[in-house]
Protein backbone atom coordinates (compact mmCIF):
# COMPACT_ATOMS: atom_id res chain seq x y z
CA UNK A 1 0.00 0.00 0.00
CA UNK A 2 1.18 3.50 -0.84
CA UNK A 3 1.49 5.90 2.08
CA UNK A 4 2.30 9.60 1.98
CA UNK A 5 3.20 12.44 4.31
CA UNK A 6 3.13 16.05 3.11
CA UNK A 7 5.90 18.33 4.39
CA UNK A 8 5.57 21.99 3.27
CA UNK A 9 8.95 23.59 2.54
CA UNK A 10 10.38 27.07 1.87
CA UNK A 11 8.61 30.40 1.94
CA UNK A 12 6.48 29.20 -0.96
CA UNK A 13 4.98 26.51 1.34
CA UNK A 14 5.46 23.95 -1.41
CA UNK A 15 3.97 20.53 -0.68
CA UNK A 16 6.86 18.09 -0.73
CA UNK A 17 5.45 14.57 -0.40
CA UNK A 18 7.32 11.75 1.29
CA UNK A 19 5.78 8.64 -0.25
CA UNK A 20 6.49 5.02 0.56
CA UNK A 21 5.42 1.41 0.13
CA UNK A 22 4.31 0.13 3.53
CA UNK A 23 5.36 -3.44 2.64
CA UNK A 24 9.00 -2.57 2.00
CA UNK A 25 9.21 0.88 3.68
CA UNK A 26 11.10 2.03 0.59
CA UNK A 27 10.14 5.54 -0.47
CA UNK A 28 10.78 8.71 -2.43
CA UNK A 29 10.67 12.45 -2.07
CA UNK A 30 8.29 14.08 -4.55
CA UNK A 31 9.33 17.69 -5.26
CA UNK A 32 11.85 18.49 -2.50
CA UNK A 33 11.90 22.23 -3.08
CA UNK A 34 14.26 23.04 -0.22
CA UNK A 35 14.98 22.54 3.48
CA UNK A 36 16.71 19.23 2.83
CA UNK A 37 17.54 18.56 6.49
CA UNK A 38 13.89 19.05 7.48
CA UNK A 39 12.84 16.49 4.86
CA UNK A 40 15.52 14.00 5.83
CA UNK A 41 14.51 14.28 9.49
CA UNK A 42 10.85 13.74 8.60
CA UNK A 43 11.67 10.62 6.56
CA UNK A 44 13.77 9.27 9.43
CA UNK A 45 10.93 9.85 11.90
CA UNK A 46 8.59 7.94 9.59
CA UNK A 47 11.06 5.08 9.23
CA UNK A 48 11.13 5.46 5.45
CA UNK A 49 14.16 4.26 3.51
CA UNK A 50 14.21 6.92 0.79
CA UNK A 51 15.56 5.54 -2.48
CA UNK A 52 14.91 8.28 -5.03
CA UNK A 53 13.87 11.86 -5.72
CA UNK A 54 10.94 12.44 -8.07
CA UNK A 55 10.36 15.83 -9.72
CA UNK A 56 7.12 16.96 -11.34
CA UNK A 57 8.74 20.02 -12.91
CA UNK A 58 11.76 22.27 -12.81
CA UNK A 59 10.70 25.32 -10.81
CA UNK A 60 12.96 26.25 -7.90
CA UNK A 61 10.31 25.66 -5.21
CA UNK A 62 9.84 22.08 -6.40
CA UNK A 63 13.38 21.07 -7.32
CA UNK A 64 15.68 23.41 -5.38
CA UNK A 65 16.51 20.89 -2.63
CA UNK A 66 17.03 17.88 -4.88
CA UNK A 67 20.76 18.26 -5.35
CA UNK A 68 21.45 18.58 -1.60
CA UNK A 69 19.47 15.41 -0.90
CA UNK A 70 21.15 13.61 -3.78
CA UNK A 71 24.57 14.47 -2.38
CA UNK A 72 23.68 13.60 1.22
CA UNK A 73 22.10 10.22 0.46
CA UNK A 74 23.46 9.34 -2.97
CA UNK A 75 19.95 9.18 -4.46
CA UNK A 76 19.01 9.39 -8.14
CA UNK A 77 16.89 12.31 -9.35
CA UNK A 78 14.11 11.06 -11.62
CA UNK A 79 12.01 13.38 -13.78
CA UNK A 80 10.62 15.62 -14.97
CA UNK A 81 10.31 15.50 -18.78
CA UNK A 82 13.42 16.80 -20.57
CA UNK A 83 11.57 19.90 -21.80
CA UNK A 84 12.04 21.36 -18.30
CA UNK A 85 15.84 21.23 -18.43
CA UNK A 86 16.05 25.01 -18.93
CA UNK A 87 14.15 25.55 -15.65
CA UNK A 88 16.42 23.21 -13.69
CA UNK A 89 19.45 25.00 -15.13
CA UNK A 90 18.18 28.37 -13.83
CA UNK A 91 17.28 27.46 -10.24
CA UNK A 92 20.22 29.29 -8.66
CA UNK A 93 19.62 32.42 -10.74
CA UNK A 94 15.94 32.50 -9.77
CA UNK A 95 16.74 31.70 -6.13
CA UNK A 96 18.99 34.75 -6.00
CA UNK A 97 16.15 36.89 -7.37
CA UNK A 98 13.85 35.63 -4.60
CA UNK A 99 16.59 35.91 -1.95
CA UNK A 100 16.43 32.18 -1.30
CA UNK A 101 20.06 31.04 -0.91
CA UNK A 102 20.78 27.34 -0.82
CA UNK A 103 18.49 26.25 -3.63
CA UNK A 104 20.58 24.61 -6.34
CA UNK A 105 20.45 23.65 -9.98
CA UNK A 106 20.26 19.93 -10.66
CA UNK A 107 20.47 17.47 -13.52
CA UNK A 108 18.19 14.42 -13.39
CA UNK A 109 19.68 10.96 -13.64
CA UNK A 110 16.60 9.97 -15.66
CA UNK A 111 14.15 12.03 -17.69
CA UNK A 112 10.56 10.84 -17.86
CA UNK A 113 8.12 10.48 -20.74
CA UNK A 114 4.37 10.04 -20.92
CA UNK A 115 3.48 6.43 -20.15
CA UNK A 116 6.60 5.64 -18.13
CA UNK A 117 6.35 3.89 -14.76
CA UNK A 118 8.31 4.57 -11.59
CA UNK A 119 8.55 1.90 -8.90
CA UNK A 120 8.50 2.85 -5.22
CA UNK A 121 8.98 -0.40 -3.34
CA UNK A 122 6.18 -2.65 -4.62
CA UNK A 123 4.11 0.27 -5.87
CA UNK A 124 4.24 1.54 -9.45
CA UNK A 125 3.44 5.16 -10.25
CA UNK A 126 2.24 5.98 -13.74
CA UNK A 127 3.87 9.00 -15.39
CA UNK A 128 1.63 11.45 -17.24
CA UNK A 129 3.22 14.26 -19.25
CA UNK A 130 1.06 17.31 -18.47
CA UNK A 131 2.53 20.45 -20.07
CA UNK A 132 1.14 23.96 -19.77
CA UNK A 133 2.44 25.31 -16.47
CA UNK A 134 5.87 24.27 -17.72
CA UNK A 135 6.58 22.34 -20.93
CA UNK A 136 8.11 19.34 -19.18
CA UNK A 137 5.68 18.98 -16.26
CA UNK A 138 4.70 15.43 -15.28
CA UNK A 139 2.09 13.98 -12.93
CA UNK A 140 2.61 10.82 -10.86
CA UNK A 141 -0.53 8.65 -10.59
CA UNK A 142 -1.05 5.58 -8.41
CA UNK A 143 -4.10 3.73 -9.80
CA UNK A 144 -4.77 1.27 -6.97
CA UNK A 145 -5.34 3.95 -4.35
CA UNK A 146 -6.39 6.53 -6.93
CA UNK A 147 -4.04 9.28 -5.85
CA UNK A 148 -2.15 11.73 -8.06
CA UNK A 149 0.77 14.01 -7.30
CA UNK A 150 0.08 16.83 -9.72
CA UNK A 151 2.68 19.49 -8.91
CA UNK A 152 1.43 22.86 -10.14
CA UNK A 153 -0.94 21.61 -12.85
CA UNK A 154 -4.09 21.75 -10.73
CA UNK A 155 -5.11 23.18 -7.35
CA UNK A 156 -8.23 23.18 -5.23
CA UNK A 157 -10.25 25.88 -6.97
CA UNK A 158 -7.52 26.91 -9.39
CA UNK A 159 -4.93 25.82 -11.96
CA UNK A 160 -1.24 26.47 -12.56
CA UNK A 161 0.04 29.76 -13.93
CA UNK A 162 0.83 29.83 -17.62
CA UNK A 163 2.55 33.23 -17.84
CA UNK A 164 6.03 31.80 -17.30
CA UNK A 165 8.38 31.16 -20.27
CA UNK A 166 6.97 28.37 -22.47
CA UNK A 167 3.78 28.19 -20.46
CA UNK A 168 0.60 27.59 -22.47
CA UNK A 169 -3.00 27.81 -21.28
CA UNK A 170 -4.43 25.60 -24.04
CA UNK A 171 -1.87 22.90 -23.27
CA UNK A 172 -2.67 23.06 -19.55
CA UNK A 173 -6.44 22.82 -20.03
CA UNK A 174 -5.99 19.94 -22.47
CA UNK A 175 -3.69 18.10 -20.07
CA UNK A 176 -6.20 18.44 -17.23
CA UNK A 177 -9.34 17.61 -19.18
CA UNK A 178 -7.96 14.95 -21.53
CA UNK A 179 -5.37 13.24 -19.31
CA UNK A 180 -6.41 13.79 -15.69
CA UNK A 181 -10.23 13.82 -15.75
CA UNK A 182 -10.42 10.38 -17.47
CA UNK A 183 -8.58 8.86 -14.47
CA UNK A 184 -11.82 9.22 -12.50
CA UNK A 185 -13.74 11.64 -10.29
CA UNK A 186 -12.72 9.73 -7.17
CA UNK A 187 -9.01 10.43 -7.63
CA UNK A 188 -7.53 12.44 -4.76
CA UNK A 189 -4.75 14.78 -5.83
CA UNK A 190 -1.88 16.37 -3.94
CA UNK A 191 -1.16 19.78 -5.44
CA UNK A 192 2.12 21.65 -5.24
CA UNK A 193 0.58 24.18 -2.84
CA UNK A 194 -2.49 24.28 -0.66
CA UNK A 195 -5.06 21.65 0.33
CA UNK A 196 -5.89 18.34 -1.31
CA UNK A 197 -8.97 17.89 -3.46
CA UNK A 198 -10.47 15.36 -5.87
CA UNK A 199 -10.86 15.47 -9.62
CA UNK A 200 -14.62 15.14 -9.17
CA UNK A 201 -14.81 18.15 -6.88
CA UNK A 202 -12.80 20.26 -9.33
CA UNK A 203 -14.95 19.17 -12.25
CA UNK A 204 -17.96 20.44 -10.30
CA UNK A 205 -16.66 23.78 -9.10
CA UNK A 206 -13.25 24.76 -10.49
CA UNK A 207 -13.73 28.17 -12.18
CA UNK A 208 -11.08 27.40 -14.81
CA UNK A 209 -11.49 23.73 -15.78
CA UNK A 210 -14.78 22.69 -14.18
CA UNK A 211 -17.36 21.23 -16.53
CA UNK A 212 -19.65 24.28 -16.30
CA UNK A 213 -16.77 26.71 -16.72
CA UNK A 214 -15.60 25.01 -19.90
CA UNK A 215 -19.13 24.68 -21.25
CA UNK A 216 -19.66 28.43 -20.94
CA UNK A 217 -16.25 29.33 -22.35
C-alpha atoms as a PDB file:
ATOM      1  CA  UNK A   1       0.000   0.000   0.000  1.00  0.00           C
ATOM      2  CA  UNK A   2       1.178   3.504  -0.836  1.00  0.00           C
ATOM      3  CA  UNK A   3       1.485   5.899   2.085  1.00  0.00           C
ATOM      4  CA  UNK A   4       2.301   9.601   1.976  1.00  0.00           C
ATOM      5  CA  UNK A   5       3.199  12.444   4.305  1.00  0.00           C
ATOM      6  CA  UNK A   6       3.131  16.055   3.112  1.00  0.00           C
ATOM      7  CA  UNK A   7       5.897  18.332   4.388  1.00  0.00           C
ATOM      8  CA  UNK A   8       5.572  21.990   3.271  1.00  0.00           C
ATOM      9  CA  UNK A   9       8.952  23.589   2.542  1.00  0.00           C
ATOM     10  CA  UNK A  10      10.385  27.071   1.870  1.00  0.00           C
ATOM     11  CA  UNK A  11       8.612  30.402   1.942  1.00  0.00           C
ATOM     12  CA  UNK A  12       6.479  29.196  -0.960  1.00  0.00           C
ATOM     13  CA  UNK A  13       4.979  26.505   1.335  1.00  0.00           C
ATOM     14  CA  UNK A  14       5.459  23.949  -1.406  1.00  0.00           C
ATOM     15  CA  UNK A  15       3.967  20.531  -0.675  1.00  0.00           C
ATOM     16  CA  UNK A  16       6.858  18.085  -0.732  1.00  0.00           C
ATOM     17  CA  UNK A  17       5.448  14.566  -0.396  1.00  0.00           C
ATOM     18  CA  UNK A  18       7.318  11.745   1.291  1.00  0.00           C
ATOM     19  CA  UNK A  19       5.784   8.636  -0.255  1.00  0.00           C
ATOM     20  CA  UNK A  20       6.494   5.015   0.564  1.00  0.00           C
ATOM     21  CA  UNK A  21       5.415   1.413   0.126  1.00  0.00           C
ATOM     22  CA  UNK A  22       4.308   0.134   3.530  1.00  0.00           C
ATOM     23  CA  UNK A  23       5.359  -3.440   2.642  1.00  0.00           C
ATOM     24  CA  UNK A  24       9.001  -2.568   2.003  1.00  0.00           C
ATOM     25  CA  UNK A  25       9.214   0.884   3.680  1.00  0.00           C
ATOM     26  CA  UNK A  26      11.099   2.034   0.585  1.00  0.00           C
ATOM     27  CA  UNK A  27      10.144   5.543  -0.467  1.00  0.00           C
ATOM     28  CA  UNK A  28      10.779   8.705  -2.425  1.00  0.00           C
ATOM     29  CA  UNK A  29      10.669  12.452  -2.068  1.00  0.00           C
ATOM     30  CA  UNK A  30       8.291  14.083  -4.547  1.00  0.00           C
ATOM     31  CA  UNK A  31       9.330  17.695  -5.256  1.00  0.00           C
ATOM     32  CA  UNK A  32      11.848  18.488  -2.495  1.00  0.00           C
ATOM     33  CA  UNK A  33      11.897  22.228  -3.075  1.00  0.00           C
ATOM     34  CA  UNK A  34      14.265  23.042  -0.223  1.00  0.00           C
ATOM     35  CA  UNK A  35      14.979  22.543   3.479  1.00  0.00           C
ATOM     36  CA  UNK A  36      16.711  19.233   2.825  1.00  0.00           C
ATOM     37  CA  UNK A  37      17.536  18.563   6.489  1.00  0.00           C
ATOM     38  CA  UNK A  38      13.889  19.052   7.479  1.00  0.00           C
ATOM     39  CA  UNK A  39      12.837  16.493   4.858  1.00  0.00           C
ATOM     40  CA  UNK A  40      15.524  14.005   5.832  1.00  0.00           C
ATOM     41  CA  UNK A  41      14.508  14.280   9.487  1.00  0.00           C
ATOM     42  CA  UNK A  42      10.854  13.741   8.602  1.00  0.00           C
ATOM     43  CA  UNK A  43      11.666  10.620   6.563  1.00  0.00           C
ATOM     44  CA  UNK A  44      13.771   9.274   9.427  1.00  0.00           C
ATOM     45  CA  UNK A  45      10.931   9.854  11.900  1.00  0.00           C
ATOM     46  CA  UNK A  46       8.589   7.938   9.595  1.00  0.00           C
ATOM     47  CA  UNK A  47      11.057   5.078   9.233  1.00  0.00           C
ATOM     48  CA  UNK A  48      11.129   5.464   5.454  1.00  0.00           C
ATOM     49  CA  UNK A  49      14.159   4.260   3.506  1.00  0.00           C
ATOM     50  CA  UNK A  50      14.210   6.916   0.787  1.00  0.00           C
ATOM     51  CA  UNK A  51      15.560   5.537  -2.478  1.00  0.00           C
ATOM     52  CA  UNK A  52      14.907   8.275  -5.029  1.00  0.00           C
ATOM     53  CA  UNK A  53      13.873  11.857  -5.718  1.00  0.00           C
ATOM     54  CA  UNK A  54      10.937  12.442  -8.074  1.00  0.00           C
ATOM     55  CA  UNK A  55      10.358  15.830  -9.720  1.00  0.00           C
ATOM     56  CA  UNK A  56       7.115  16.964 -11.338  1.00  0.00           C
ATOM     57  CA  UNK A  57       8.745  20.024 -12.909  1.00  0.00           C
ATOM     58  CA  UNK A  58      11.764  22.270 -12.809  1.00  0.00           C
ATOM     59  CA  UNK A  59      10.704  25.323 -10.808  1.00  0.00           C
ATOM     60  CA  UNK A  60      12.957  26.251  -7.896  1.00  0.00           C
ATOM     61  CA  UNK A  61      10.311  25.664  -5.206  1.00  0.00           C
ATOM     62  CA  UNK A  62       9.840  22.084  -6.404  1.00  0.00           C
ATOM     63  CA  UNK A  63      13.376  21.072  -7.322  1.00  0.00           C
ATOM     64  CA  UNK A  64      15.683  23.411  -5.379  1.00  0.00           C
ATOM     65  CA  UNK A  65      16.505  20.892  -2.633  1.00  0.00           C
ATOM     66  CA  UNK A  66      17.026  17.883  -4.879  1.00  0.00           C
ATOM     67  CA  UNK A  67      20.765  18.263  -5.349  1.00  0.00           C
ATOM     68  CA  UNK A  68      21.455  18.582  -1.605  1.00  0.00           C
ATOM     69  CA  UNK A  69      19.473  15.408  -0.895  1.00  0.00           C
ATOM     70  CA  UNK A  70      21.151  13.609  -3.783  1.00  0.00           C
ATOM     71  CA  UNK A  71      24.566  14.473  -2.378  1.00  0.00           C
ATOM     72  CA  UNK A  72      23.676  13.602   1.222  1.00  0.00           C
ATOM     73  CA  UNK A  73      22.104  10.217   0.461  1.00  0.00           C
ATOM     74  CA  UNK A  74      23.460   9.339  -2.973  1.00  0.00           C
ATOM     75  CA  UNK A  75      19.953   9.175  -4.463  1.00  0.00           C
ATOM     76  CA  UNK A  76      19.007   9.388  -8.139  1.00  0.00           C
ATOM     77  CA  UNK A  77      16.894  12.306  -9.350  1.00  0.00           C
ATOM     78  CA  UNK A  78      14.105  11.060 -11.620  1.00  0.00           C
ATOM     79  CA  UNK A  79      12.013  13.382 -13.775  1.00  0.00           C
ATOM     80  CA  UNK A  80      10.624  15.621 -14.968  1.00  0.00           C
ATOM     81  CA  UNK A  81      10.311  15.504 -18.778  1.00  0.00           C
ATOM     82  CA  UNK A  82      13.416  16.801 -20.569  1.00  0.00           C
ATOM     83  CA  UNK A  83      11.575  19.902 -21.802  1.00  0.00           C
ATOM     84  CA  UNK A  84      12.039  21.365 -18.302  1.00  0.00           C
ATOM     85  CA  UNK A  85      15.838  21.232 -18.433  1.00  0.00           C
ATOM     86  CA  UNK A  86      16.048  25.013 -18.927  1.00  0.00           C
ATOM     87  CA  UNK A  87      14.152  25.551 -15.655  1.00  0.00           C
ATOM     88  CA  UNK A  88      16.422  23.210 -13.686  1.00  0.00           C
ATOM     89  CA  UNK A  89      19.454  24.996 -15.131  1.00  0.00           C
ATOM     90  CA  UNK A  90      18.184  28.375 -13.832  1.00  0.00           C
ATOM     91  CA  UNK A  91      17.276  27.457 -10.241  1.00  0.00           C
ATOM     92  CA  UNK A  92      20.217  29.293  -8.662  1.00  0.00           C
ATOM     93  CA  UNK A  93      19.615  32.421 -10.744  1.00  0.00           C
ATOM     94  CA  UNK A  94      15.935  32.503  -9.770  1.00  0.00           C
ATOM     95  CA  UNK A  95      16.740  31.695  -6.125  1.00  0.00           C
ATOM     96  CA  UNK A  96      18.992  34.753  -6.004  1.00  0.00           C
ATOM     97  CA  UNK A  97      16.152  36.889  -7.374  1.00  0.00           C
ATOM     98  CA  UNK A  98      13.850  35.626  -4.595  1.00  0.00           C
ATOM     99  CA  UNK A  99      16.593  35.914  -1.951  1.00  0.00           C
ATOM    100  CA  UNK A 100      16.430  32.176  -1.295  1.00  0.00           C
ATOM    101  CA  UNK A 101      20.057  31.044  -0.912  1.00  0.00           C
ATOM    102  CA  UNK A 102      20.777  27.336  -0.819  1.00  0.00           C
ATOM    103  CA  UNK A 103      18.490  26.246  -3.634  1.00  0.00           C
ATOM    104  CA  UNK A 104      20.583  24.609  -6.341  1.00  0.00           C
ATOM    105  CA  UNK A 105      20.447  23.652  -9.984  1.00  0.00           C
ATOM    106  CA  UNK A 106      20.260  19.932 -10.657  1.00  0.00           C
ATOM    107  CA  UNK A 107      20.467  17.467 -13.521  1.00  0.00           C
ATOM    108  CA  UNK A 108      18.189  14.419 -13.390  1.00  0.00           C
ATOM    109  CA  UNK A 109      19.678  10.957 -13.641  1.00  0.00           C
ATOM    110  CA  UNK A 110      16.600   9.968 -15.655  1.00  0.00           C
ATOM    111  CA  UNK A 111      14.153  12.035 -17.689  1.00  0.00           C
ATOM    112  CA  UNK A 112      10.559  10.839 -17.862  1.00  0.00           C
ATOM    113  CA  UNK A 113       8.116  10.476 -20.745  1.00  0.00           C
ATOM    114  CA  UNK A 114       4.373  10.037 -20.925  1.00  0.00           C
ATOM    115  CA  UNK A 115       3.483   6.430 -20.150  1.00  0.00           C
ATOM    116  CA  UNK A 116       6.604   5.635 -18.133  1.00  0.00           C
ATOM    117  CA  UNK A 117       6.352   3.895 -14.761  1.00  0.00           C
ATOM    118  CA  UNK A 118       8.315   4.575 -11.586  1.00  0.00           C
ATOM    119  CA  UNK A 119       8.547   1.899  -8.902  1.00  0.00           C
ATOM    120  CA  UNK A 120       8.501   2.854  -5.222  1.00  0.00           C
ATOM    121  CA  UNK A 121       8.979  -0.399  -3.339  1.00  0.00           C
ATOM    122  CA  UNK A 122       6.184  -2.654  -4.616  1.00  0.00           C
ATOM    123  CA  UNK A 123       4.107   0.270  -5.868  1.00  0.00           C
ATOM    124  CA  UNK A 124       4.244   1.544  -9.453  1.00  0.00           C
ATOM    125  CA  UNK A 125       3.439   5.158 -10.253  1.00  0.00           C
ATOM    126  CA  UNK A 126       2.238   5.981 -13.736  1.00  0.00           C
ATOM    127  CA  UNK A 127       3.870   8.999 -15.393  1.00  0.00           C
ATOM    128  CA  UNK A 128       1.635  11.448 -17.242  1.00  0.00           C
ATOM    129  CA  UNK A 129       3.216  14.262 -19.246  1.00  0.00           C
ATOM    130  CA  UNK A 130       1.056  17.310 -18.470  1.00  0.00           C
ATOM    131  CA  UNK A 131       2.534  20.452 -20.066  1.00  0.00           C
ATOM    132  CA  UNK A 132       1.141  23.959 -19.773  1.00  0.00           C
ATOM    133  CA  UNK A 133       2.443  25.310 -16.467  1.00  0.00           C
ATOM    134  CA  UNK A 134       5.872  24.272 -17.723  1.00  0.00           C
ATOM    135  CA  UNK A 135       6.576  22.341 -20.934  1.00  0.00           C
ATOM    136  CA  UNK A 136       8.105  19.336 -19.175  1.00  0.00           C
ATOM    137  CA  UNK A 137       5.680  18.976 -16.259  1.00  0.00           C
ATOM    138  CA  UNK A 138       4.701  15.431 -15.282  1.00  0.00           C
ATOM    139  CA  UNK A 139       2.087  13.977 -12.927  1.00  0.00           C
ATOM    140  CA  UNK A 140       2.610  10.816 -10.862  1.00  0.00           C
ATOM    141  CA  UNK A 141      -0.530   8.654 -10.587  1.00  0.00           C
ATOM    142  CA  UNK A 142      -1.048   5.578  -8.411  1.00  0.00           C
ATOM    143  CA  UNK A 143      -4.096   3.733  -9.800  1.00  0.00           C
ATOM    144  CA  UNK A 144      -4.766   1.272  -6.966  1.00  0.00           C
ATOM    145  CA  UNK A 145      -5.339   3.954  -4.348  1.00  0.00           C
ATOM    146  CA  UNK A 146      -6.395   6.533  -6.934  1.00  0.00           C
ATOM    147  CA  UNK A 147      -4.038   9.278  -5.846  1.00  0.00           C
ATOM    148  CA  UNK A 148      -2.148  11.726  -8.065  1.00  0.00           C
ATOM    149  CA  UNK A 149       0.770  14.012  -7.297  1.00  0.00           C
ATOM    150  CA  UNK A 150       0.077  16.834  -9.716  1.00  0.00           C
ATOM    151  CA  UNK A 151       2.675  19.490  -8.912  1.00  0.00           C
ATOM    152  CA  UNK A 152       1.430  22.857 -10.139  1.00  0.00           C
ATOM    153  CA  UNK A 153      -0.939  21.609 -12.847  1.00  0.00           C
ATOM    154  CA  UNK A 154      -4.089  21.753 -10.727  1.00  0.00           C
ATOM    155  CA  UNK A 155      -5.113  23.182  -7.348  1.00  0.00           C
ATOM    156  CA  UNK A 156      -8.230  23.178  -5.228  1.00  0.00           C
ATOM    157  CA  UNK A 157     -10.250  25.878  -6.965  1.00  0.00           C
ATOM    158  CA  UNK A 158      -7.518  26.907  -9.388  1.00  0.00           C
ATOM    159  CA  UNK A 159      -4.926  25.819 -11.959  1.00  0.00           C
ATOM    160  CA  UNK A 160      -1.243  26.467 -12.556  1.00  0.00           C
ATOM    161  CA  UNK A 161       0.039  29.756 -13.926  1.00  0.00           C
ATOM    162  CA  UNK A 162       0.833  29.830 -17.622  1.00  0.00           C
ATOM    163  CA  UNK A 163       2.548  33.228 -17.836  1.00  0.00           C
ATOM    164  CA  UNK A 164       6.031  31.798 -17.300  1.00  0.00           C
ATOM    165  CA  UNK A 165       8.381  31.161 -20.272  1.00  0.00           C
ATOM    166  CA  UNK A 166       6.972  28.373 -22.469  1.00  0.00           C
ATOM    167  CA  UNK A 167       3.776  28.190 -20.458  1.00  0.00           C
ATOM    168  CA  UNK A 168       0.604  27.589 -22.471  1.00  0.00           C
ATOM    169  CA  UNK A 169      -3.000  27.811 -21.277  1.00  0.00           C
ATOM    170  CA  UNK A 170      -4.433  25.597 -24.037  1.00  0.00           C
ATOM    171  CA  UNK A 171      -1.869  22.896 -23.274  1.00  0.00           C
ATOM    172  CA  UNK A 172      -2.673  23.063 -19.555  1.00  0.00           C
ATOM    173  CA  UNK A 173      -6.440  22.824 -20.027  1.00  0.00           C
ATOM    174  CA  UNK A 174      -5.987  19.944 -22.472  1.00  0.00           C
ATOM    175  CA  UNK A 175      -3.693  18.100 -20.067  1.00  0.00           C
ATOM    176  CA  UNK A 176      -6.203  18.440 -17.231  1.00  0.00           C
ATOM    177  CA  UNK A 177      -9.344  17.607 -19.180  1.00  0.00           C
ATOM    178  CA  UNK A 178      -7.955  14.954 -21.527  1.00  0.00           C
ATOM    179  CA  UNK A 179      -5.369  13.240 -19.307  1.00  0.00           C
ATOM    180  CA  UNK A 180      -6.414  13.789 -15.690  1.00  0.00           C
ATOM    181  CA  UNK A 181     -10.227  13.817 -15.747  1.00  0.00           C
ATOM    182  CA  UNK A 182     -10.422  10.382 -17.470  1.00  0.00           C
ATOM    183  CA  UNK A 183      -8.578   8.860 -14.467  1.00  0.00           C
ATOM    184  CA  UNK A 184     -11.824   9.215 -12.502  1.00  0.00           C
ATOM    185  CA  UNK A 185     -13.736  11.640 -10.288  1.00  0.00           C
ATOM    186  CA  UNK A 186     -12.717   9.733  -7.168  1.00  0.00           C
ATOM    187  CA  UNK A 187      -9.010  10.433  -7.635  1.00  0.00           C
ATOM    188  CA  UNK A 188      -7.531  12.442  -4.761  1.00  0.00           C
ATOM    189  CA  UNK A 189      -4.748  14.781  -5.829  1.00  0.00           C
ATOM    190  CA  UNK A 190      -1.879  16.367  -3.944  1.00  0.00           C
ATOM    191  CA  UNK A 191      -1.156  19.785  -5.443  1.00  0.00           C
ATOM    192  CA  UNK A 192       2.117  21.652  -5.235  1.00  0.00           C
ATOM    193  CA  UNK A 193       0.583  24.180  -2.837  1.00  0.00           C
ATOM    194  CA  UNK A 194      -2.490  24.282  -0.658  1.00  0.00           C
ATOM    195  CA  UNK A 195      -5.057  21.650   0.329  1.00  0.00           C
ATOM    196  CA  UNK A 196      -5.888  18.343  -1.307  1.00  0.00           C
ATOM    197  CA  UNK A 197      -8.969  17.889  -3.456  1.00  0.00           C
ATOM    198  CA  UNK A 198     -10.470  15.365  -5.873  1.00  0.00           C
ATOM    199  CA  UNK A 199     -10.856  15.471  -9.625  1.00  0.00           C
ATOM    200  CA  UNK A 200     -14.616  15.137  -9.165  1.00  0.00           C
ATOM    201  CA  UNK A 201     -14.810  18.155  -6.882  1.00  0.00           C
ATOM    202  CA  UNK A 202     -12.800  20.256  -9.329  1.00  0.00           C
ATOM    203  CA  UNK A 203     -14.952  19.167 -12.251  1.00  0.00           C
ATOM    204  CA  UNK A 204     -17.956  20.436 -10.298  1.00  0.00           C
ATOM    205  CA  UNK A 205     -16.658  23.776  -9.101  1.00  0.00           C
ATOM    206  CA  UNK A 206     -13.254  24.755 -10.488  1.00  0.00           C
ATOM    207  CA  UNK A 207     -13.729  28.166 -12.181  1.00  0.00           C
ATOM    208  CA  UNK A 208     -11.076  27.403 -14.815  1.00  0.00           C
ATOM    209  CA  UNK A 209     -11.491  23.734 -15.783  1.00  0.00           C
ATOM    210  CA  UNK A 210     -14.783  22.694 -14.176  1.00  0.00           C
ATOM    211  CA  UNK A 211     -17.361  21.226 -16.528  1.00  0.00           C
ATOM    212  CA  UNK A 212     -19.654  24.278 -16.301  1.00  0.00           C
ATOM    213  CA  UNK A 213     -16.767  26.714 -16.717  1.00  0.00           C
ATOM    214  CA  UNK A 214     -15.602  25.011 -19.903  1.00  0.00           C
ATOM    215  CA  UNK A 215     -19.130  24.680 -21.255  1.00  0.00           C
ATOM    216  CA  UNK A 216     -19.663  28.428 -20.937  1.00  0.00           C
ATOM    217  CA  UNK A 217     -16.250  29.330 -22.351  1.00  0.00           C
END
